[in-house]
Protein backbone atom coordinates (compact mmCIF):
# COMPACT_ATOMS: atom_id res chain seq x y z
CA UNK A 1 250.99 130.34 115.45
CA UNK A 2 251.81 133.62 117.92
CA UNK A 3 248.97 135.64 115.43
CA UNK A 4 246.09 133.81 116.89
CA UNK A 5 248.07 134.10 120.27
CA UNK A 6 248.34 137.91 120.03
CA UNK A 7 244.55 138.28 118.67
CA UNK A 8 243.55 136.19 121.64
CA UNK A 9 245.09 138.48 123.90
CA UNK A 10 244.52 141.58 122.54
CA UNK A 11 240.53 140.09 122.42
CA UNK A 12 240.41 139.51 126.21
CA UNK A 13 242.06 143.07 126.83
CA UNK A 14 239.53 144.70 124.69
CA UNK A 15 236.52 143.05 126.48
CA UNK A 16 238.51 143.71 130.47
CA UNK A 17 238.43 146.91 128.88
CA UNK A 18 234.85 147.18 127.84
CA UNK A 19 234.10 146.06 131.16
CA UNK A 20 235.52 148.81 132.86
CA UNK A 21 233.07 151.09 131.45
CA UNK A 22 235.38 153.99 131.33
CA UNK A 23 234.92 156.52 128.38
CA UNK A 24 237.57 156.09 125.97
CA UNK A 25 239.17 159.82 127.66
CA UNK A 26 239.07 158.07 131.04
CA UNK A 27 240.72 155.03 130.42
CA UNK A 28 243.27 157.23 128.86
CA UNK A 29 244.07 158.99 132.01
CA UNK A 30 243.64 156.17 133.73
CA UNK A 31 246.91 154.53 132.16
CA UNK A 32 248.80 157.55 132.08
CA UNK A 33 248.26 157.74 136.00
CA UNK A 34 248.85 154.13 136.82
CA UNK A 35 252.20 155.23 134.46
CA UNK A 36 253.66 157.42 136.15
CA UNK A 37 256.97 157.41 137.59
CA UNK A 38 257.36 156.55 141.47
CA UNK A 39 255.87 155.19 144.50
CA UNK A 40 251.77 154.43 144.37
CA UNK A 41 252.60 156.38 148.35
CA UNK A 42 254.36 159.54 146.37
CA UNK A 43 252.08 159.26 143.29
CA UNK A 44 248.77 158.81 145.71
CA UNK A 45 250.18 162.05 147.97
CA UNK A 46 250.95 164.23 145.04
CA UNK A 47 246.96 163.65 143.59
CA UNK A 48 245.82 164.27 147.09
CA UNK A 49 247.34 167.46 147.53
CA UNK A 50 246.61 168.68 143.81
CA UNK A 51 242.83 168.08 144.25
CA UNK A 52 243.30 170.13 147.56
CA UNK A 53 244.88 173.03 146.57
CA UNK A 54 242.33 172.71 143.27
CA UNK A 55 239.48 173.72 145.76
CA UNK A 56 240.85 177.04 146.54
CA UNK A 57 239.68 180.13 143.92
CA UNK A 58 243.19 181.21 143.56
CA UNK A 59 243.06 180.95 139.84
CA UNK A 60 247.01 180.59 138.33
CA UNK A 61 248.64 179.78 141.68
CA UNK A 62 246.65 176.50 142.05
CA UNK A 63 249.51 174.42 140.21
CA UNK A 64 252.22 176.18 142.04
CA UNK A 65 250.63 175.48 145.66
CA UNK A 66 250.03 171.59 144.38
CA UNK A 67 253.57 171.41 143.74
CA UNK A 68 254.95 173.27 146.58
CA UNK A 69 252.64 171.18 148.98
CA UNK A 70 253.71 167.99 146.46
CA UNK A 71 257.27 168.64 148.06
CA UNK A 72 256.70 169.13 151.40
CA UNK A 73 254.58 166.09 151.49
CA UNK A 74 257.14 164.16 149.30
CA UNK A 75 254.49 163.27 146.54
CA UNK A 76 254.87 163.77 142.40
CA UNK A 77 254.67 167.21 141.69
CA UNK A 78 253.58 166.21 138.30
CA UNK A 79 250.29 164.08 139.18
CA UNK A 80 249.85 166.72 142.25
CA UNK A 81 249.83 169.78 139.06
CA UNK A 82 247.61 167.10 136.77
CA UNK A 83 245.01 167.00 140.03
CA UNK A 84 244.50 170.85 140.23
CA UNK A 85 242.67 170.48 136.87
CA UNK A 86 239.59 169.08 138.96
CA UNK A 87 238.41 172.90 139.05
CA UNK A 88 238.16 173.56 135.62
CA UNK A 89 236.07 176.80 134.14
CA UNK A 90 233.64 173.83 133.78
CA UNK A 91 233.29 173.15 137.61
CA UNK A 92 234.49 176.62 139.02
CA UNK A 93 230.82 178.07 139.86
CA UNK A 94 229.68 174.64 141.33
CA UNK A 95 232.97 173.98 143.31
CA UNK A 96 232.91 177.75 144.53
CA UNK A 97 228.86 177.47 145.24
CA UNK A 98 228.83 174.42 147.15
CA UNK A 99 231.86 175.54 149.25
CA UNK A 100 230.90 179.01 150.35
CA UNK A 101 227.36 176.78 151.79
CA UNK A 102 229.60 174.55 153.14
CA UNK A 103 231.92 177.67 154.78
CA UNK A 104 228.14 179.00 156.04
CA UNK A 105 227.54 176.01 157.65
CA UNK A 106 230.97 175.61 159.62
CA UNK A 107 230.78 179.15 160.58
CA UNK A 108 227.03 179.00 161.65
CA UNK A 109 225.95 181.46 159.07
CA UNK A 110 223.70 179.26 156.98
CA UNK A 111 220.08 180.46 156.40
CA UNK A 112 217.72 179.23 153.70
CA UNK A 113 215.44 181.72 153.85
CA UNK A 114 217.57 184.55 153.03
CA UNK A 115 219.00 182.36 150.26
CA UNK A 116 215.27 182.56 148.65
CA UNK A 117 214.95 185.99 148.97
CA UNK A 118 218.59 186.82 147.90
CA UNK A 119 217.84 184.57 144.20
CA UNK A 120 214.29 186.34 143.59
CA UNK A 121 215.99 188.89 142.15
CA UNK A 122 219.12 190.15 140.74
CA UNK A 123 219.89 193.38 142.10
CA UNK A 124 219.75 191.65 146.09
CA UNK A 125 221.90 189.52 145.13
CA UNK A 126 224.67 191.58 143.48
CA UNK A 127 224.24 193.57 146.60
CA UNK A 128 224.26 190.80 148.90
CA UNK A 129 227.32 189.57 147.66
CA UNK A 130 228.98 193.46 147.63
CA UNK A 131 228.02 193.86 151.30
CA UNK A 132 229.75 191.03 152.28
CA UNK A 133 232.79 191.67 151.17
CA UNK A 134 235.64 189.98 153.55
CA UNK A 135 233.08 188.32 155.12
CA UNK A 136 232.53 186.26 151.98
CA UNK A 137 235.86 185.53 151.24
CA UNK A 138 236.55 184.12 154.41
CA UNK A 139 233.16 181.78 154.30
CA UNK A 140 234.50 180.68 151.02
CA UNK A 141 237.81 179.64 152.31
CA UNK A 142 236.70 177.88 155.44
CA UNK A 143 234.53 176.23 152.74
CA UNK A 144 237.53 175.38 150.48
CA UNK A 145 239.81 174.09 153.48
CA UNK A 146 236.94 171.86 154.58
CA UNK A 147 235.84 170.29 151.31
CA UNK A 148 239.47 170.39 149.94
CA UNK A 149 240.58 168.35 152.95
CA UNK A 150 237.81 165.66 152.78
CA UNK A 151 238.04 165.53 149.02
CA UNK A 152 242.35 165.34 149.47
CA UNK A 153 241.48 162.40 151.79
CA UNK A 154 239.50 160.68 150.08
CA UNK A 155 241.55 161.18 146.74
CA UNK A 156 244.63 159.66 148.62
CA UNK A 157 242.86 156.40 149.33
CA UNK A 158 241.32 155.59 146.57
CA UNK A 159 244.17 156.47 144.05
CA UNK A 160 246.46 154.49 146.08
CA UNK A 161 244.45 151.13 146.19
CA UNK A 162 243.96 152.12 142.59
CA UNK A 163 247.88 152.35 142.14
CA UNK A 164 248.84 149.72 144.15
CA UNK A 165 246.13 147.16 142.70
CA UNK A 166 247.25 148.27 139.07
CA UNK A 167 251.16 147.86 140.01
CA UNK A 168 250.57 144.55 141.39
CA UNK A 169 248.50 143.05 138.29
CA UNK A 170 251.26 144.42 136.04
CA UNK A 171 253.97 142.79 138.36
CA UNK A 172 252.04 139.47 138.19
CA UNK A 173 252.25 139.51 134.40
């Protein structure tokens, strides 16, 4: 009798997971995240500062900055370190190009016509970047600050909602 109950329960849980539509690795990280020790607010703070620091181009320092910020805002340090992996070798170029464009918009330097001429030949593209120097870094950092702040806020509220819901459902069982 106990065997039948277990098999029914496992079938139901399999159906629930399949209904989520998550690939297996996303489900794995979702369950790892929901089982982190600490209050959902602390974990959400950690995730938010991790995403924020992951938007900056300081490779190798992103985790240290995220842990420092997690200490400052009293967030989960492990969640902060894990969330910095939003920028990885596959996402770095698109994220930083997007951040640079956001920085151009914020600083009033965006010129689509110039972008077309720059990307037409590789020589002018390289010349353009080397001539910018500190100006390009400033533009990138402004874009990183804006994008990182927005994504950190979205991450905080979304993860707080998901973590609270997961904890409540686990408590009700």
